[in-house]
Amino acid sequence: MTAKIYKPARNAMQSGKGKTDLWLLEYEPELRLTADPLMGWTSSADMKQQLRLTFESKEQAIAYAERNGIAYWVEPEAPARAQRKSYADNFKWGRTETWTH
């Protein structure tokens, strides 16, 4: 039973950073997915795949895993890349991108 501790990336569909300040602990799958013979849906008997624990800090997640004897690995936090953009570039003469509206 191995767990992965990581900080989720922001949603690619939105520019906000909501729910990215929490750390997650998720269990790695122990059993493989199987297809249901009648409906064809994929399922697994491993119930820990559905469990996601949230923590306010990486240290809290590590302490929880060590306290409960869970083998874990920590995924390094990705650096935040801020892109500098100017509003005036939307109206620049000779711009290479197409106008979208």
N, C-alpha and C. Protein backbone atom coordinates (compact mmCIF):
# COMPACT_ATOMS: atom_id res chain seq x y z
N MET A 1 0.85 -1.17 0.00
CA MET A 1 0.00 0.00 0.00
C MET A 1 0.90 1.24 0.00
N THR A 2 1.05 1.85 -1.15
CA THR A 2 1.88 3.03 -1.32
C THR A 2 0.99 4.23 -1.60
N ALA A 3 1.38 5.36 -1.05
CA ALA A 3 0.61 6.59 -1.26
C ALA A 3 1.48 7.64 -1.92
N LYS A 4 0.83 8.52 -2.67
CA LYS A 4 1.51 9.63 -3.32
C LYS A 4 1.05 10.92 -2.64
N ILE A 5 2.00 11.74 -2.23
CA ILE A 5 1.70 13.03 -1.62
C ILE A 5 2.12 14.10 -2.62
N TYR A 6 1.18 14.97 -2.98
CA TYR A 6 1.48 15.99 -3.98
C TYR A 6 0.60 17.21 -3.80
N LYS A 7 1.02 18.29 -4.43
CA LYS A 7 0.24 19.52 -4.46
C LYS A 7 -0.33 19.64 -5.86
N PRO A 8 -1.67 19.66 -6.02
CA PRO A 8 -2.25 19.65 -7.36
C PRO A 8 -1.96 20.93 -8.14
N ALA A 9 -1.87 20.79 -9.44
CA ALA A 9 -1.68 21.95 -10.31
C ALA A 9 -3.01 22.67 -10.47
N ARG A 10 -2.94 23.90 -10.91
CA ARG A 10 -4.19 24.64 -11.10
C ARG A 10 -4.94 24.08 -12.28
N ASN A 11 -6.22 24.35 -12.33
CA ASN A 11 -7.08 23.88 -13.39
C ASN A 11 -6.68 24.57 -14.70
N ALA A 12 -6.50 23.81 -15.74
CA ALA A 12 -6.09 24.39 -17.02
C ALA A 12 -7.21 25.15 -17.70
N MET A 13 -8.44 24.94 -17.28
CA MET A 13 -9.57 25.61 -17.90
C MET A 13 -9.82 27.01 -17.34
N GLN A 14 -9.19 27.33 -16.22
CA GLN A 14 -9.40 28.62 -15.58
C GLN A 14 -8.06 29.21 -15.19
N SER A 15 -8.01 30.50 -15.04
CA SER A 15 -6.76 31.14 -14.68
C SER A 15 -6.58 31.26 -13.18
N GLY A 16 -7.59 30.95 -12.41
CA GLY A 16 -7.51 31.07 -10.95
C GLY A 16 -6.67 29.98 -10.33
N LYS A 17 -6.32 30.18 -9.07
CA LYS A 17 -5.48 29.23 -8.36
C LYS A 17 -6.24 28.59 -7.19
N GLY A 18 -7.55 28.48 -7.30
CA GLY A 18 -8.35 27.91 -6.24
C GLY A 18 -8.03 26.45 -6.00
N LYS A 19 -8.04 26.05 -4.76
CA LYS A 19 -7.80 24.67 -4.32
C LYS A 19 -6.41 24.16 -4.66
N THR A 20 -5.45 25.04 -4.88
CA THR A 20 -4.09 24.60 -5.16
C THR A 20 -3.18 24.81 -3.96
N ASP A 21 -3.72 25.28 -2.85
CA ASP A 21 -2.88 25.49 -1.68
C ASP A 21 -2.90 24.29 -0.74
N LEU A 22 -3.69 23.26 -1.05
CA LEU A 22 -3.76 22.06 -0.22
C LEU A 22 -2.87 20.96 -0.79
N TRP A 23 -2.43 20.08 0.09
CA TRP A 23 -1.65 18.90 -0.32
C TRP A 23 -2.57 17.69 -0.27
N LEU A 24 -2.41 16.79 -1.22
CA LEU A 24 -3.25 15.60 -1.32
C LEU A 24 -2.44 14.34 -1.05
N LEU A 25 -3.09 13.37 -0.44
CA LEU A 25 -2.53 12.03 -0.25
C LEU A 25 -3.46 11.08 -0.97
N GLU A 26 -2.96 10.41 -1.98
CA GLU A 26 -3.73 9.43 -2.74
C GLU A 26 -2.99 8.11 -2.75
N TYR A 27 -3.74 7.03 -2.66
CA TYR A 27 -3.14 5.70 -2.71
C TYR A 27 -2.90 5.27 -4.15
N GLU A 28 -1.80 4.60 -4.37
CA GLU A 28 -1.51 4.02 -5.68
C GLU A 28 -2.38 2.77 -5.85
N PRO A 29 -2.82 2.46 -7.06
CA PRO A 29 -3.67 1.28 -7.26
C PRO A 29 -2.90 -0.02 -6.99
N GLU A 30 -3.54 -0.90 -6.22
CA GLU A 30 -2.94 -2.20 -5.93
C GLU A 30 -3.45 -3.27 -6.88
N LEU A 31 -4.70 -3.13 -7.30
CA LEU A 31 -5.30 -4.10 -8.21
C LEU A 31 -5.57 -3.43 -9.54
N ARG A 32 -5.49 -4.17 -10.60
CA ARG A 32 -5.73 -3.59 -11.92
C ARG A 32 -7.23 -3.49 -12.19
N LEU A 33 -7.57 -2.66 -13.12
CA LEU A 33 -8.96 -2.48 -13.50
C LEU A 33 -9.43 -3.67 -14.33
N THR A 34 -10.68 -4.06 -14.12
CA THR A 34 -11.27 -5.16 -14.88
C THR A 34 -12.53 -4.66 -15.56
N ALA A 35 -12.88 -5.29 -16.65
CA ALA A 35 -14.09 -4.92 -17.39
C ALA A 35 -15.25 -5.78 -16.92
N ASP A 36 -16.39 -5.15 -16.70
CA ASP A 36 -17.60 -5.86 -16.33
C ASP A 36 -18.09 -6.64 -17.55
N PRO A 37 -18.37 -7.95 -17.42
CA PRO A 37 -18.76 -8.72 -18.59
C PRO A 37 -20.10 -8.31 -19.19
N LEU A 38 -21.02 -7.80 -18.39
CA LEU A 38 -22.33 -7.46 -18.90
C LEU A 38 -22.36 -6.07 -19.55
N MET A 39 -21.89 -5.06 -18.82
CA MET A 39 -22.00 -3.69 -19.30
C MET A 39 -20.71 -3.17 -19.93
N GLY A 40 -19.57 -3.76 -19.61
CA GLY A 40 -18.31 -3.31 -20.16
C GLY A 40 -17.68 -2.17 -19.38
N TRP A 41 -18.26 -1.79 -18.25
CA TRP A 41 -17.68 -0.73 -17.42
C TRP A 41 -16.41 -1.24 -16.76
N THR A 42 -15.47 -0.36 -16.54
CA THR A 42 -14.26 -0.75 -15.83
C THR A 42 -14.47 -0.54 -14.35
N SER A 43 -13.94 -1.48 -13.56
CA SER A 43 -14.08 -1.40 -12.12
C SER A 43 -12.89 -2.08 -11.47
N SER A 44 -12.80 -1.92 -10.18
CA SER A 44 -11.73 -2.54 -9.41
C SER A 44 -12.25 -2.85 -8.02
N ALA A 45 -11.69 -3.86 -7.40
CA ALA A 45 -12.06 -4.21 -6.04
C ALA A 45 -11.25 -3.42 -5.02
N ASP A 46 -10.33 -2.59 -5.49
CA ASP A 46 -9.47 -1.81 -4.62
C ASP A 46 -10.19 -0.52 -4.23
N MET A 47 -10.69 -0.45 -3.00
CA MET A 47 -11.46 0.70 -2.56
C MET A 47 -10.58 1.89 -2.19
N LYS A 48 -9.30 1.67 -1.95
CA LYS A 48 -8.43 2.78 -1.57
C LYS A 48 -8.12 3.71 -2.74
N GLN A 49 -8.40 3.27 -3.96
CA GLN A 49 -8.21 4.14 -5.11
C GLN A 49 -9.14 5.34 -5.05
N GLN A 50 -10.25 5.22 -4.37
CA GLN A 50 -11.25 6.29 -4.32
C GLN A 50 -10.98 7.28 -3.20
N LEU A 51 -9.99 7.02 -2.38
CA LEU A 51 -9.73 7.84 -1.20
C LEU A 51 -8.73 8.95 -1.51
N ARG A 52 -9.10 10.20 -1.21
CA ARG A 52 -8.22 11.37 -1.35
C ARG A 52 -8.28 12.15 -0.06
N LEU A 53 -7.15 12.25 0.62
CA LEU A 53 -7.08 13.01 1.86
C LEU A 53 -6.40 14.34 1.59
N THR A 54 -6.93 15.41 2.15
CA THR A 54 -6.35 16.74 1.95
C THR A 54 -5.71 17.21 3.25
N PHE A 55 -4.60 17.92 3.11
CA PHE A 55 -3.85 18.46 4.23
C PHE A 55 -3.45 19.88 3.91
N GLU A 56 -3.26 20.69 4.95
CA GLU A 56 -2.88 22.08 4.75
C GLU A 56 -1.40 22.25 4.43
N SER A 57 -0.57 21.27 4.79
CA SER A 57 0.86 21.37 4.51
C SER A 57 1.41 19.99 4.18
N LYS A 58 2.58 20.00 3.56
CA LYS A 58 3.25 18.75 3.21
C LYS A 58 3.67 17.99 4.46
N GLU A 59 4.09 18.73 5.48
CA GLU A 59 4.53 18.09 6.72
C GLU A 59 3.39 17.35 7.41
N GLN A 60 2.18 17.89 7.35
CA GLN A 60 1.03 17.22 7.94
C GLN A 60 0.73 15.92 7.20
N ALA A 61 0.83 15.94 5.88
CA ALA A 61 0.56 14.73 5.10
C ALA A 61 1.61 13.66 5.38
N ILE A 62 2.87 14.06 5.48
CA ILE A 62 3.94 13.11 5.78
C ILE A 62 3.77 12.54 7.19
N ALA A 63 3.42 13.39 8.14
CA ALA A 63 3.21 12.93 9.51
C ALA A 63 2.05 11.94 9.58
N TYR A 64 0.98 12.18 8.83
CA TYR A 64 -0.14 11.25 8.81
C TYR A 64 0.29 9.89 8.25
N ALA A 65 1.03 9.91 7.15
CA ALA A 65 1.48 8.66 6.54
C ALA A 65 2.40 7.88 7.47
N GLU A 66 3.32 8.58 8.13
CA GLU A 66 4.23 7.89 9.05
C GLU A 66 3.51 7.39 10.29
N ARG A 67 2.56 8.16 10.78
CA ARG A 67 1.81 7.76 11.98
C ARG A 67 0.98 6.50 11.72
N ASN A 68 0.47 6.34 10.49
CA ASN A 68 -0.37 5.20 10.16
C ASN A 68 0.38 4.09 9.43
N GLY A 69 1.70 4.21 9.31
CA GLY A 69 2.51 3.16 8.69
C GLY A 69 2.28 3.00 7.20
N ILE A 70 2.02 4.09 6.51
CA ILE A 70 1.77 4.06 5.08
C ILE A 70 3.06 4.42 4.34
N ALA A 71 3.47 3.56 3.44
CA ALA A 71 4.63 3.88 2.60
C ALA A 71 4.21 4.98 1.64
N TYR A 72 5.05 5.98 1.47
CA TYR A 72 4.67 7.13 0.66
C TYR A 72 5.85 7.63 -0.14
N TRP A 73 5.55 8.43 -1.15
CA TRP A 73 6.55 9.20 -1.87
C TRP A 73 5.96 10.56 -2.16
N VAL A 74 6.83 11.56 -2.13
CA VAL A 74 6.40 12.94 -2.28
C VAL A 74 6.79 13.43 -3.67
N GLU A 75 5.79 13.88 -4.41
CA GLU A 75 6.05 14.45 -5.73
C GLU A 75 6.48 15.90 -5.53
N PRO A 76 7.59 16.31 -6.12
CA PRO A 76 8.05 17.68 -5.91
C PRO A 76 7.06 18.70 -6.46
N GLU A 77 7.00 19.81 -5.78
CA GLU A 77 6.08 20.87 -6.16
C GLU A 77 6.58 21.57 -7.42
N ALA A 78 5.70 21.73 -8.39
CA ALA A 78 6.08 22.40 -9.64
C ALA A 78 6.19 23.90 -9.40
N PRO A 79 7.21 24.55 -9.95
CA PRO A 79 7.31 26.00 -9.76
C PRO A 79 6.21 26.72 -10.52
N ALA A 80 5.72 27.78 -9.91
CA ALA A 80 4.67 28.59 -10.56
C ALA A 80 5.32 29.48 -11.60
N ARG A 81 4.82 29.41 -12.81
CA ARG A 81 5.35 30.22 -13.89
C ARG A 81 4.34 31.31 -14.22
N ALA A 82 4.70 32.54 -13.94
CA ALA A 82 3.84 33.66 -14.26
C ALA A 82 4.25 34.25 -15.59
N GLN A 83 3.29 34.44 -16.47
CA GLN A 83 3.56 35.01 -17.77
C GLN A 83 3.22 36.50 -17.72
N ARG A 84 4.16 37.32 -18.12
CA ARG A 84 3.90 38.76 -18.17
C ARG A 84 3.15 39.06 -19.46
N LYS A 85 2.01 39.71 -19.31
CA LYS A 85 1.20 40.08 -20.45
C LYS A 85 0.80 41.53 -20.31
N SER A 86 0.72 42.18 -21.43
CA SER A 86 0.29 43.56 -21.46
C SER A 86 -1.05 43.63 -22.18
N TYR A 87 -1.98 44.37 -21.62
CA TYR A 87 -3.29 44.52 -22.25
C TYR A 87 -3.16 45.23 -23.59
N ALA A 88 -2.20 46.12 -23.71
CA ALA A 88 -2.01 46.87 -24.95
C ALA A 88 -1.58 45.97 -26.10
N ASP A 89 -0.99 44.81 -25.79
CA ASP A 89 -0.57 43.90 -26.86
C ASP A 89 -1.76 43.32 -27.63
N ASN A 90 -2.95 43.36 -27.06
CA ASN A 90 -4.13 42.89 -27.78
C ASN A 90 -4.43 43.76 -28.99
N PHE A 91 -4.00 45.02 -28.97
CA PHE A 91 -4.34 45.96 -30.03
C PHE A 91 -3.11 46.41 -30.82
N LYS A 92 -2.02 45.68 -30.68
CA LYS A 92 -0.77 46.06 -31.32
C LYS A 92 -0.84 45.89 -32.83
N TRP A 93 -0.26 46.86 -33.56
CA TRP A 93 -0.22 46.78 -35.02
C TRP A 93 0.79 45.70 -35.43
N GLY A 94 0.43 44.88 -36.40
CA GLY A 94 1.33 43.85 -36.90
C GLY A 94 1.42 42.64 -35.99
N ARG A 95 0.40 42.39 -35.22
CA ARG A 95 0.45 41.24 -34.33
C ARG A 95 0.30 39.95 -35.12
N THR A 96 0.95 38.88 -34.68
CA THR A 96 1.00 37.64 -35.45
C THR A 96 -0.21 36.74 -35.20
N GLU A 97 -0.84 36.84 -34.04
CA GLU A 97 -2.00 35.99 -33.74
C GLU A 97 -3.25 36.57 -34.39
N THR A 98 -4.23 35.73 -34.63
CA THR A 98 -5.50 36.19 -35.22
C THR A 98 -6.35 36.86 -34.16
N TRP A 99 -7.17 37.77 -34.59
CA TRP A 99 -8.09 38.46 -33.69
C TRP A 99 -9.24 37.52 -33.39
N THR A 100 -9.59 37.34 -32.11
CA THR A 100 -10.56 36.30 -31.74
C THR A 100 -11.95 36.82 -31.49
N HIS A 101 -12.16 38.13 -31.45
CA HIS A 101 -13.52 38.60 -31.22
C HIS A 101 -13.85 39.84 -31.98
